[in-house]
């Protein structure tokens, strides 16, 4: 089965590991415009924002600020010897300056 680069990227970003299949996750991806907002589909609500393990501290700060603004949970992915894990014990971001 052959895919164009655009199709392959779409398949890659829309697919997740079987280990995470229990999560009821929906990914909203806009391939047409970078860093633009999108309208949430009716009936959907953001419950949690998860920072990737490779995100910069600045981006984590911004995501944490957005989570607080939306009043949703915030978690971070971390790397351990066992692999990727979800960490709910995030650093005290209030002690760091948050760029708006």
PDB file of N, CA and C in Angstrom:
ATOM      1  N   UNK A   1       0.846  -1.172   0.000  1.00  0.00           N
ATOM      2  CA  UNK A   1       0.000   0.000   0.000  1.00  0.00           C
ATOM      3  C   UNK A   1       0.892   1.235   0.000  1.00  0.00           C
ATOM      4  N   UNK A   2       0.679   2.122  -0.920  1.00  0.00           N
ATOM      5  CA  UNK A   2       1.475   3.339  -1.030  1.00  0.00           C
ATOM      6  C   UNK A   2       0.670   4.557  -0.596  1.00  0.00           C
ATOM      7  N   UNK A   3       1.365   5.481   0.073  1.00  0.00           N
ATOM      8  CA  UNK A   3       0.743   6.723   0.520  1.00  0.00           C
ATOM      9  C   UNK A   3       1.583   7.894   0.030  1.00  0.00           C
ATOM     10  N   UNK A   4       0.923   8.996  -0.265  1.00  0.00           N
ATOM     11  CA  UNK A   4       1.656  10.226  -0.548  1.00  0.00           C
ATOM     12  C   UNK A   4       2.273  10.707   0.767  1.00  0.00           C
ATOM     13  N   UNK A   5       3.281  11.587   0.719  1.00  0.00           N
ATOM     14  CA  UNK A   5       3.850  12.102   1.970  1.00  0.00           C
ATOM     15  C   UNK A   5       2.792  12.727   2.878  1.00  0.00           C
ATOM     16  N   UNK A   6       1.830  13.449   2.284  1.00  0.00           N
ATOM     17  CA  UNK A   6       0.761  14.075   3.079  1.00  0.00           C
ATOM     18  C   UNK A   6      -0.103  13.006   3.751  1.00  0.00           C
ATOM     19  N   UNK A   7      -0.453  11.949   3.014  1.00  0.00           N
ATOM     20  CA  UNK A   7      -1.259  10.861   3.574  1.00  0.00           C
ATOM     21  C   UNK A   7      -0.482  10.120   4.660  1.00  0.00           C
ATOM     22  N   UNK A   8       0.812   9.877   4.415  1.00  0.00           N
ATOM     23  CA  UNK A   8       1.635   9.165   5.397  1.00  0.00           C
ATOM     24  C   UNK A   8       1.724   9.955   6.694  1.00  0.00           C
ATOM     25  N   UNK A   9       1.914  11.270   6.598  1.00  0.00           N
ATOM     26  CA  UNK A   9       1.969  12.107   7.789  1.00  0.00           C
ATOM     27  C   UNK A   9       0.640  12.065   8.530  1.00  0.00           C
ATOM     28  N   UNK A  10      -0.451  12.114   7.798  1.00  0.00           N
ATOM     29  CA  UNK A  10      -1.774  12.028   8.417  1.00  0.00           C
ATOM     30  C   UNK A  10      -1.973  10.717   9.145  1.00  0.00           C
ATOM     31  N   UNK A  11      -1.558   9.620   8.536  1.00  0.00           N
ATOM     32  CA  UNK A  11      -1.686   8.304   9.181  1.00  0.00           C
ATOM     33  C   UNK A  11      -0.820   8.238  10.434  1.00  0.00           C
ATOM     34  N   UNK A  12       0.401   8.778  10.347  1.00  0.00           N
ATOM     35  CA  UNK A  12       1.318   8.746  11.480  1.00  0.00           C
ATOM     36  C   UNK A  12       0.788   9.552  12.662  1.00  0.00           C
ATOM     37  N   UNK A  13       0.300  10.755  12.416  1.00  0.00           N
ATOM     38  CA  UNK A  13      -0.165  11.615  13.507  1.00  0.00           C
ATOM     39  C   UNK A  13      -1.524  11.193  14.052  1.00  0.00           C
ATOM     40  N   UNK A  14      -2.287  10.461  13.273  1.00  0.00           N
ATOM     41  CA  UNK A  14      -3.612  10.037  13.718  1.00  0.00           C
ATOM     42  C   UNK A  14      -3.597   8.645  14.340  1.00  0.00           C
ATOM     43  N   UNK A  15      -2.444   8.009  14.388  1.00  0.00           N
ATOM     44  CA  UNK A  15      -2.342   6.652  14.911  1.00  0.00           C
ATOM     45  C   UNK A  15      -1.594   6.679  16.230  1.00  0.00           C
ATOM     46  N   UNK A  16      -2.014   5.835  17.161  1.00  0.00           N
ATOM     47  CA  UNK A  16      -1.296   5.753  18.419  1.00  0.00           C
ATOM     48  C   UNK A  16      -0.986   4.308  18.753  1.00  0.00           C
ATOM     49  N   UNK A  17      -0.091   4.127  19.672  1.00  0.00           N
ATOM     50  CA  UNK A  17       0.350   2.799  20.066  1.00  0.00           C
ATOM     51  C   UNK A  17      -0.800   2.010  20.687  1.00  0.00           C
ATOM     52  N   UNK A  18      -0.767   0.706  20.511  1.00  0.00           N
ATOM     53  CA  UNK A  18      -1.774  -0.175  21.112  1.00  0.00           C
ATOM     54  C   UNK A  18      -1.773  -0.017  22.628  1.00  0.00           C
ATOM     55  N   UNK A  19      -0.602   0.301  23.213  1.00  0.00           N
ATOM     56  CA  UNK A  19      -0.504   0.487  24.663  1.00  0.00           C
ATOM     57  C   UNK A  19      -1.434   1.585  25.175  1.00  0.00           C
ATOM     58  N   UNK A  20      -1.763   2.532  24.303  1.00  0.00           N
ATOM     59  CA  UNK A  20      -2.605   3.658  24.700  1.00  0.00           C
ATOM     60  C   UNK A  20      -4.026   3.520  24.161  1.00  0.00           C
ATOM     61  N   UNK A  21      -4.381   2.365  23.662  1.00  0.00           N
ATOM     62  CA  UNK A  21      -5.684   2.197  23.008  1.00  0.00           C
ATOM     63  C   UNK A  21      -6.866   2.370  23.959  1.00  0.00           C
ATOM     64  N   UNK A  22      -6.634   2.200  25.260  1.00  0.00           N
ATOM     65  CA  UNK A  22      -7.726   2.372  26.224  1.00  0.00           C
ATOM     66  C   UNK A  22      -8.146   3.834  26.351  1.00  0.00           C
ATOM     67  N   UNK A  23      -7.278   4.753  25.966  1.00  0.00           N
ATOM     68  CA  UNK A  23      -7.599   6.177  26.046  1.00  0.00           C
ATOM     69  C   UNK A  23      -8.677   6.529  25.027  1.00  0.00           C
ATOM     70  N   UNK A  24      -9.636   7.302  25.437  1.00  0.00           N
ATOM     71  CA  UNK A  24     -10.669   7.803  24.528  1.00  0.00           C
ATOM     72  C   UNK A  24     -10.174   9.138  23.993  1.00  0.00           C
ATOM     73  N   UNK A  25      -9.287   9.079  23.035  1.00  0.00           N
ATOM     74  CA  UNK A  25      -8.590  10.262  22.552  1.00  0.00           C
ATOM     75  C   UNK A  25      -9.031  10.643  21.146  1.00  0.00           C
ATOM     76  N   UNK A  26      -9.122  11.938  20.937  1.00  0.00           N
ATOM     77  CA  UNK A  26      -9.400  12.465  19.605  1.00  0.00           C
ATOM     78  C   UNK A  26      -8.343  13.517  19.315  1.00  0.00           C
ATOM     79  N   UNK A  27      -7.713  13.420  18.164  1.00  0.00           N
ATOM     80  CA  UNK A  27      -6.674  14.375  17.795  1.00  0.00           C
ATOM     81  C   UNK A  27      -7.197  15.286  16.696  1.00  0.00           C
ATOM     82  N   UNK A  28      -7.110  16.582  16.932  1.00  0.00           N
ATOM     83  CA  UNK A  28      -7.515  17.570  15.932  1.00  0.00           C
ATOM     84  C   UNK A  28      -6.250  18.152  15.320  1.00  0.00           C
ATOM     85  N   UNK A  29      -6.043  17.909  14.038  1.00  0.00           N
ATOM     86  CA  UNK A  29      -4.824  18.336  13.362  1.00  0.00           C
ATOM     87  C   UNK A  29      -5.193  19.157  12.138  1.00  0.00           C
ATOM     88  N   UNK A  30      -4.566  20.320  12.008  1.00  0.00           N
ATOM     89  CA  UNK A  30      -4.803  21.185  10.854  1.00  0.00           C
ATOM     90  C   UNK A  30      -3.539  21.196   9.999  1.00  0.00           C
ATOM     91  N   UNK A  31      -3.573  20.517   8.856  1.00  0.00           N
ATOM     92  CA  UNK A  31      -2.413  20.460   7.973  1.00  0.00           C
ATOM     93  C   UNK A  31      -2.317  21.679   7.062  1.00  0.00           C
ATOM     94  N   UNK A  32      -3.362  22.473   7.008  1.00  0.00           N
ATOM     95  CA  UNK A  32      -3.401  23.590   6.065  1.00  0.00           C
ATOM     96  C   UNK A  32      -2.718  24.845   6.596  1.00  0.00           C
ATOM     97  N   UNK A  33      -2.786  25.085   7.878  1.00  0.00           N
ATOM     98  CA  UNK A  33      -2.221  26.313   8.432  1.00  0.00           C
ATOM     99  C   UNK A  33      -1.532  26.016   9.755  1.00  0.00           C
ATOM    100  N   UNK A  34      -0.357  26.575   9.929  1.00  0.00           N
ATOM    101  CA  UNK A  34       0.421  26.355  11.140  1.00  0.00           C
ATOM    102  C   UNK A  34      -0.026  27.320  12.241  1.00  0.00           C
ATOM    103  N   UNK A  35      -0.184  26.796  13.441  1.00  0.00           N
ATOM    104  CA  UNK A  35      -0.476  27.600  14.632  1.00  0.00           C
ATOM    105  C   UNK A  35      -1.727  28.455  14.486  1.00  0.00           C
ATOM    106  N   UNK A  36      -2.770  27.883  13.922  1.00  0.00           N
ATOM    107  CA  UNK A  36      -4.038  28.597  13.832  1.00  0.00           C
ATOM    108  C   UNK A  36      -5.059  27.898  14.713  1.00  0.00           C
ATOM    109  N   UNK A  37      -6.015  28.643  15.190  1.00  0.00           N
ATOM    110  CA  UNK A  37      -7.046  28.042  16.030  1.00  0.00           C
ATOM    111  C   UNK A  37      -8.097  27.362  15.157  1.00  0.00           C
ATOM    112  N   UNK A  38      -8.760  26.398  15.748  1.00  0.00           N
ATOM    113  CA  UNK A  38      -9.849  25.713  15.056  1.00  0.00           C
ATOM    114  C   UNK A  38     -11.046  25.660  15.986  1.00  0.00           C
ATOM    115  N   UNK A  39     -12.220  25.579  15.419  1.00  0.00           N
ATOM    116  CA  UNK A  39     -13.426  25.453  16.224  1.00  0.00           C
ATOM    117  C   UNK A  39     -13.573  24.007  16.667  1.00  0.00           C
ATOM    118  N   UNK A  40     -13.933  23.822  17.933  1.00  0.00           N
ATOM    119  CA  UNK A  40     -14.168  22.469  18.445  1.00  0.00           C
ATOM    120  C   UNK A  40     -15.459  21.938  17.843  1.00  0.00           C
ATOM    121  N   UNK A  41     -15.451  20.691  17.401  1.00  0.00           N
ATOM    122  CA  UNK A  41     -16.704  20.093  16.925  1.00  0.00           C
ATOM    123  C   UNK A  41     -17.735  20.069  18.050  1.00  0.00           C
ATOM    124  N   UNK A  42     -18.998  20.277  17.706  1.00  0.00           N
ATOM    125  CA  UNK A  42     -20.060  20.287  18.722  1.00  0.00           C
ATOM    126  C   UNK A  42     -20.085  18.960  19.466  1.00  0.00           C
ATOM    127  N   UNK A  43     -20.302  19.039  20.764  1.00  0.00           N
ATOM    128  CA  UNK A  43     -20.391  17.846  21.593  1.00  0.00           C
ATOM    129  C   UNK A  43     -19.059  17.390  22.160  1.00  0.00           C
ATOM    130  N   UNK A  44     -17.957  18.002  21.736  1.00  0.00           N
ATOM    131  CA  UNK A  44     -16.643  17.631  22.257  1.00  0.00           C
ATOM    132  C   UNK A  44     -16.154  18.686  23.232  1.00  0.00           C
ATOM    133  N   UNK A  45     -15.445  18.233  24.254  1.00  0.00           N
ATOM    134  CA  UNK A  45     -14.897  19.141  25.253  1.00  0.00           C
ATOM    135  C   UNK A  45     -13.494  18.666  25.611  1.00  0.00           C
ATOM    136  N   UNK A  46     -12.561  19.588  25.701  1.00  0.00           N
ATOM    137  CA  UNK A  46     -11.207  19.241  26.115  1.00  0.00           C
ATOM    138  C   UNK A  46     -11.235  18.904  27.598  1.00  0.00           C
ATOM    139  N   UNK A  47     -10.661  17.754  27.960  1.00  0.00           N
ATOM    140  CA  UNK A  47     -10.600  17.345  29.360  1.00  0.00           C
ATOM    141  C   UNK A  47      -9.191  17.446  29.924  1.00  0.00           C
ATOM    142  N   UNK A  48      -8.187  17.290  29.051  1.00  0.00           N
ATOM    143  CA  UNK A  48      -6.814  17.283  29.531  1.00  0.00           C
ATOM    144  C   UNK A  48      -5.870  17.696  28.408  1.00  0.00           C
ATOM    145  N   UNK A  49      -4.816  18.421  28.778  1.00  0.00           N
ATOM    146  CA  UNK A  49      -3.739  18.747  27.851  1.00  0.00           C
ATOM    147  C   UNK A  49      -2.492  18.014  28.327  1.00  0.00           C
ATOM    148  N   UNK A  50      -1.814  17.348  27.405  1.00  0.00           N
ATOM    149  CA  UNK A  50      -0.632  16.564  27.756  1.00  0.00           C
ATOM    150  C   UNK A  50       0.575  17.125  27.020  1.00  0.00           C
ATOM    151  N   UNK A  51       1.599  17.491  27.778  1.00  0.00           N
ATOM    152  CA  UNK A  51       2.840  17.996  27.193  1.00  0.00           C
ATOM    153  C   UNK A  51       3.723  16.822  26.796  1.00  0.00           C
ATOM    154  N   UNK A  52       4.252  16.873  25.588  1.00  0.00           N
ATOM    155  CA  UNK A  52       5.160  15.831  25.118  1.00  0.00           C
ATOM    156  C   UNK A  52       6.503  15.909  25.828  1.00  0.00           C
ATOM    157  N   UNK A  53       7.201  14.790  25.887  1.00  0.00           N
ATOM    158  CA  UNK A  53       8.466  14.752  26.629  1.00  0.00           C
ATOM    159  C   UNK A  53       9.570  15.577  25.979  1.00  0.00           C
ATOM    160  N   UNK A  54       9.441  15.907  24.705  1.00  0.00           N
ATOM    161  CA  UNK A  54      10.469  16.698  24.024  1.00  0.00           C
ATOM    162  C   UNK A  54      10.121  18.189  23.959  1.00  0.00           C
ATOM    163  N   UNK A  55       9.006  18.590  24.549  1.00  0.00           N
ATOM    164  CA  UNK A  55       8.613  20.004  24.507  1.00  0.00           C
ATOM    165  C   UNK A  55       9.579  20.849  25.326  1.00  0.00           C
ATOM    166  N   UNK A  56       9.817  22.058  24.860  1.00  0.00           N
ATOM    167  CA  UNK A  56      10.674  22.984  25.609  1.00  0.00           C
ATOM    168  C   UNK A  56       9.940  23.442  26.867  1.00  0.00           C
ATOM    169  N   UNK A  57      10.712  23.928  27.825  1.00  0.00           N
ATOM    170  CA  UNK A  57      10.115  24.436  29.062  1.00  0.00           C
ATOM    171  C   UNK A  57       9.152  25.573  28.740  1.00  0.00           C
ATOM    172  N   UNK A  58       9.521  26.423  27.787  1.00  0.00           N
ATOM    173  CA  UNK A  58       8.653  27.546  27.417  1.00  0.00           C
ATOM    174  C   UNK A  58       7.307  27.053  26.883  1.00  0.00           C
ATOM    175  N   UNK A  59       7.322  26.048  26.006  1.00  0.00           N
ATOM    176  CA  UNK A  59       6.067  25.516  25.479  1.00  0.00           C
ATOM    177  C   UNK A  59       5.255  24.821  26.570  1.00  0.00           C
ATOM    178  N   UNK A  60       5.928  24.148  27.491  1.00  0.00           N
ATOM    179  CA  UNK A  60       5.212  23.522  28.612  1.00  0.00           C
ATOM    180  C   UNK A  60       4.551  24.587  29.474  1.00  0.00           C
ATOM    181  N   UNK A  61       5.249  25.690  29.686  1.00  0.00           N
ATOM    182  CA  UNK A  61       4.668  26.787  30.463  1.00  0.00           C
ATOM    183  C   UNK A  61       3.420  27.332  29.781  1.00  0.00           C
ATOM    184  N   UNK A  62       3.506  27.518  28.477  1.00  0.00           N
ATOM    185  CA  UNK A  62       2.344  28.027  27.731  1.00  0.00           C
ATOM    186  C   UNK A  62       1.181  27.046  27.783  1.00  0.00           C
ATOM    187  N   UNK A  63       1.476  25.762  27.604  1.00  0.00           N
ATOM    188  CA  UNK A  63       0.422  24.751  27.641  1.00  0.00           C
ATOM    189  C   UNK A  63      -0.210  24.682  29.027  1.00  0.00           C
ATOM    190  N   UNK A  64       0.606  24.797  30.062  1.00  0.00           N
ATOM    191  CA  UNK A  64       0.097  24.806  31.434  1.00  0.00           C
ATOM    192  C   UNK A  64      -0.826  26.012  31.641  1.00  0.00           C
ATOM    193  N   UNK A  65      -0.429  27.161  31.121  1.00  0.00           N
ATOM    194  CA  UNK A  65      -1.260  28.363  31.225  1.00  0.00           C
ATOM    195  C   UNK A  65      -2.602  28.153  30.527  1.00  0.00           C
ATOM    196  N   UNK A  66      -2.570  27.559  29.339  1.00  0.00           N
ATOM    197  CA  UNK A  66      -3.807  27.280  28.599  1.00  0.00           C
ATOM    198  C   UNK A  66      -4.685  26.322  29.394  1.00  0.00           C
ATOM    199  N   UNK A  67      -4.083  25.287  29.980  1.00  0.00           N
ATOM    200  CA  UNK A  67      -4.855  24.328  30.779  1.00  0.00           C
ATOM    201  C   UNK A  67      -5.524  25.021  31.961  1.00  0.00           C
ATOM    202  N   UNK A  68      -4.787  25.885  32.637  1.00  0.00           N
ATOM    203  CA  UNK A  68      -5.364  26.614  33.769  1.00  0.00           C
ATOM    204  C   UNK A  68      -6.486  27.535  33.304  1.00  0.00           C
ATOM    205  N   UNK A  69      -6.296  28.200  32.171  1.00  0.00           N
ATOM    206  CA  UNK A  69      -7.310  29.097  31.622  1.00  0.00           C
ATOM    207  C   UNK A  69      -8.579  28.336  31.259  1.00  0.00           C
ATOM    208  N   UNK A  70      -8.410  27.153  30.650  1.00  0.00           N
ATOM    209  CA  UNK A  70      -9.559  26.333  30.258  1.00  0.00           C
ATOM    210  C   UNK A  70     -10.125  25.515  31.415  1.00  0.00           C
ATOM    211  N   UNK A  71      -9.422  25.530  32.542  1.00  0.00           N
ATOM    212  CA  UNK A  71      -9.815  24.741  33.723  1.00  0.00           C
ATOM    213  C   UNK A  71      -9.900  23.252  33.389  1.00  0.00           C
ATOM    214  N   UNK A  72      -8.815  22.763  32.757  1.00  0.00           N
ATOM    215  CA  UNK A  72      -8.709  21.340  32.436  1.00  0.00           C
ATOM    216  C   UNK A  72      -7.419  20.800  33.046  1.00  0.00           C
ATOM    217  N   UNK A  73      -7.323  19.478  33.118  1.00  0.00           N
ATOM    218  CA  UNK A  73      -6.140  18.836  33.680  1.00  0.00           C
ATOM    219  C   UNK A  73      -4.936  19.043  32.770  1.00  0.00           C
ATOM    220  N   UNK A  74      -3.754  18.982  33.383  1.00  0.00           N
ATOM    221  CA  UNK A  74      -2.496  19.108  32.656  1.00  0.00           C
ATOM    222  C   UNK A  74      -1.566  17.989  33.122  1.00  0.00           C
ATOM    223  N   UNK A  75      -0.997  17.268  32.178  1.00  0.00           N
ATOM    224  CA  UNK A  75      -0.033  16.211  32.479  1.00  0.00           C
ATOM    225  C   UNK A  75       1.156  16.343  31.550  1.00  0.00           C
ATOM    226  N   UNK A  76       2.220  15.623  31.884  1.00  0.00           N
ATOM    227  CA  UNK A  76       3.416  15.611  31.048  1.00  0.00           C
ATOM    228  C   UNK A  76       3.854  14.183  30.785  1.00  0.00           C
ATOM    229  N   UNK A  77       4.360  13.959  29.585  1.00  0.00           N
ATOM    230  CA  UNK A  77       4.982  12.685  29.261  1.00  0.00           C
ATOM    231  C   UNK A  77       6.437  12.764  29.713  1.00  0.00           C
ATOM    232  N   UNK A  78       6.925  11.689  30.322  1.00  0.00           N
ATOM    233  CA  UNK A  78       8.323  11.622  30.728  1.00  0.00           C
ATOM    234  C   UNK A  78       8.919  10.311  30.231  1.00  0.00           C
ATOM    235  N   UNK A  79      10.240  10.299  30.132  1.00  0.00           N
ATOM    236  CA  UNK A  79      10.936   9.083  29.706  1.00  0.00           C
ATOM    237  C   UNK A  79      11.571   8.451  30.935  1.00  0.00           C
ATOM    238  N   UNK A  80      11.325   7.175  31.113  1.00  0.00           N
ATOM    239  CA  UNK A  80      11.960   6.409  32.183  1.00  0.00           C
ATOM    240  C   UNK A  80      12.670   5.223  31.543  1.00  0.00           C
ATOM    241  N   UNK A  81      13.299   4.420  32.334  1.00  0.00           N
ATOM    242  CA  UNK A  81      13.950   3.219  31.788  1.00  0.00           C
ATOM    243  C   UNK A  81      12.941   2.266  31.170  1.00  0.00           C
ATOM    244  N   UNK A  82      11.720   2.319  31.648  1.00  0.00           N
ATOM    245  CA  UNK A  82      10.663   1.449  31.126  1.00  0.00           C
ATOM    246  C   UNK A  82      10.047   1.993  29.841  1.00  0.00           C
ATOM    247  N   UNK A  83      10.311   3.233  29.520  1.00  0.00           N
ATOM    248  CA  UNK A  83       9.743   3.847  28.321  1.00  0.00           C
ATOM    249  C   UNK A  83       9.011   5.135  28.655  1.00  0.00           C
ATOM    250  N   UNK A  84       8.076   5.515  27.802  1.00  0.00           N
ATOM    251  CA  UNK A  84       7.287   6.731  28.027  1.00  0.00           C
ATOM    252  C   UNK A  84       6.254   6.491  29.115  1.00  0.00           C
ATOM    253  N   UNK A  85       6.127   7.426  30.024  1.00  0.00           N
ATOM    254  CA  UNK A  85       5.098   7.339  31.056  1.00  0.00           C
ATOM    255  C   UNK A  85       4.409   8.691  31.180  1.00  0.00           C
ATOM    256  N   UNK A  86       3.192   8.665  31.668  1.00  0.00           N
ATOM    257  CA  UNK A  86       2.435   9.888  31.886  1.00  0.00           C
ATOM    258  C   UNK A  86       2.622  10.305  33.328  1.00  0.00           C
ATOM    259  N   UNK A  87       3.094  11.514  33.527  1.00  0.00           N
ATOM    260  CA  UNK A  87       3.363  12.011  34.862  1.00  0.00           C
ATOM    261  C   UNK A  87       2.320  13.042  35.246  1.00  0.00           C
ATOM    262  N   UNK A  88       1.578  12.747  36.308  1.00  0.00           N
ATOM    263  CA  UNK A  88       0.603  13.717  36.803  1.00  0.00           C
ATOM    264  C   UNK A  88       1.222  14.629  37.845  1.00  0.00           C
ATOM    265  N   UNK A  89       2.408  14.279  38.290  1.00  0.00           N
ATOM    266  CA  UNK A  89       3.085  15.111  39.278  1.00  0.00           C
ATOM    267  C   UNK A  89       4.005  16.079  38.545  1.00  0.00           C
ATOM    268  N   UNK A  90       3.421  17.161  38.080  1.00  0.00           N
ATOM    269  CA  UNK A  90       4.165  18.142  37.295  1.00  0.00           C
ATOM    270  C   UNK A  90       4.881  19.109  38.226  1.00  0.00           C
ATOM    271  N   UNK A  91       5.913  19.765  37.733  1.00  0.00           N
ATOM    272  CA  UNK A  91       6.616  20.749  38.562  1.00  0.00           C
ATOM    273  C   UNK A  91       5.693  21.888  38.980  1.00  0.00           C
ATOM    274  N   UNK A  92       6.107  22.627  39.975  1.00  0.00           N
ATOM    275  CA  UNK A  92       5.339  23.785  40.430  1.00  0.00           C
ATOM    276  C   UNK A  92       5.549  24.924  39.443  1.00  0.00           C
ATOM    277  N   UNK A  93       4.660  25.008  38.448  1.00  0.00           N
ATOM    278  CA  UNK A  93       4.805  26.015  37.403  1.00  0.00           C
ATOM    279  C   UNK A  93       4.562  27.421  37.923  1.00  0.00           C
ATOM    280  N   UNK A  94       3.882  27.545  39.056  1.00  0.00           N
ATOM    281  CA  UNK A  94       3.591  28.882  39.575  1.00  0.00           C
ATOM    282  C   UNK A  94       4.867  29.596  40.005  1.00  0.00           C
ATOM    283  N   UNK A  95       5.931  28.825  40.264  1.00  0.00           N
ATOM    284  CA  UNK A  95       7.192  29.447  40.661  1.00  0.00           C
ATOM    285  C   UNK A  95       7.980  29.950  39.455  1.00  0.00           C
ATOM    286  N   UNK A  96       7.536  29.599  38.245  1.00  0.00           N
ATOM    287  CA  UNK A  96       8.211  30.030  37.025  1.00  0.00           C
ATOM    288  C   UNK A  96       7.390  31.109  36.330  1.00  0.00           C
ATOM    289  N   UNK A  97       8.055  32.057  35.677  1.00  0.00           N
ATOM    290  CA  UNK A  97       7.295  33.073  34.936  1.00  0.00           C
ATOM    291  C   UNK A  97       6.610  32.446  33.735  1.00  0.00           C
ATOM    292  N   UNK A  98       5.352  32.778  33.532  1.00  0.00           N
ATOM    293  CA  UNK A  98       4.592  32.242  32.406  1.00  0.00           C
ATOM    294  C   UNK A  98       4.458  33.333  31.361  1.00  0.00           C
ATOM    295  N   UNK A  99       4.900  33.008  30.150  1.00  0.00           N
ATOM    296  CA  UNK A  99       4.777  33.962  29.049  1.00  0.00           C
ATOM    297  C   UNK A  99       3.407  33.823  28.432  1.00  0.00           C
ATOM    298  N   UNK A 100       2.708  34.924  28.278  1.00  0.00           N
ATOM    299  CA  UNK A 100       1.358  34.905  27.714  1.00  0.00           C
ATOM    300  C   UNK A 100       1.382  35.273  26.268  1.00  0.00           C
TER     301      UNK A 100
END
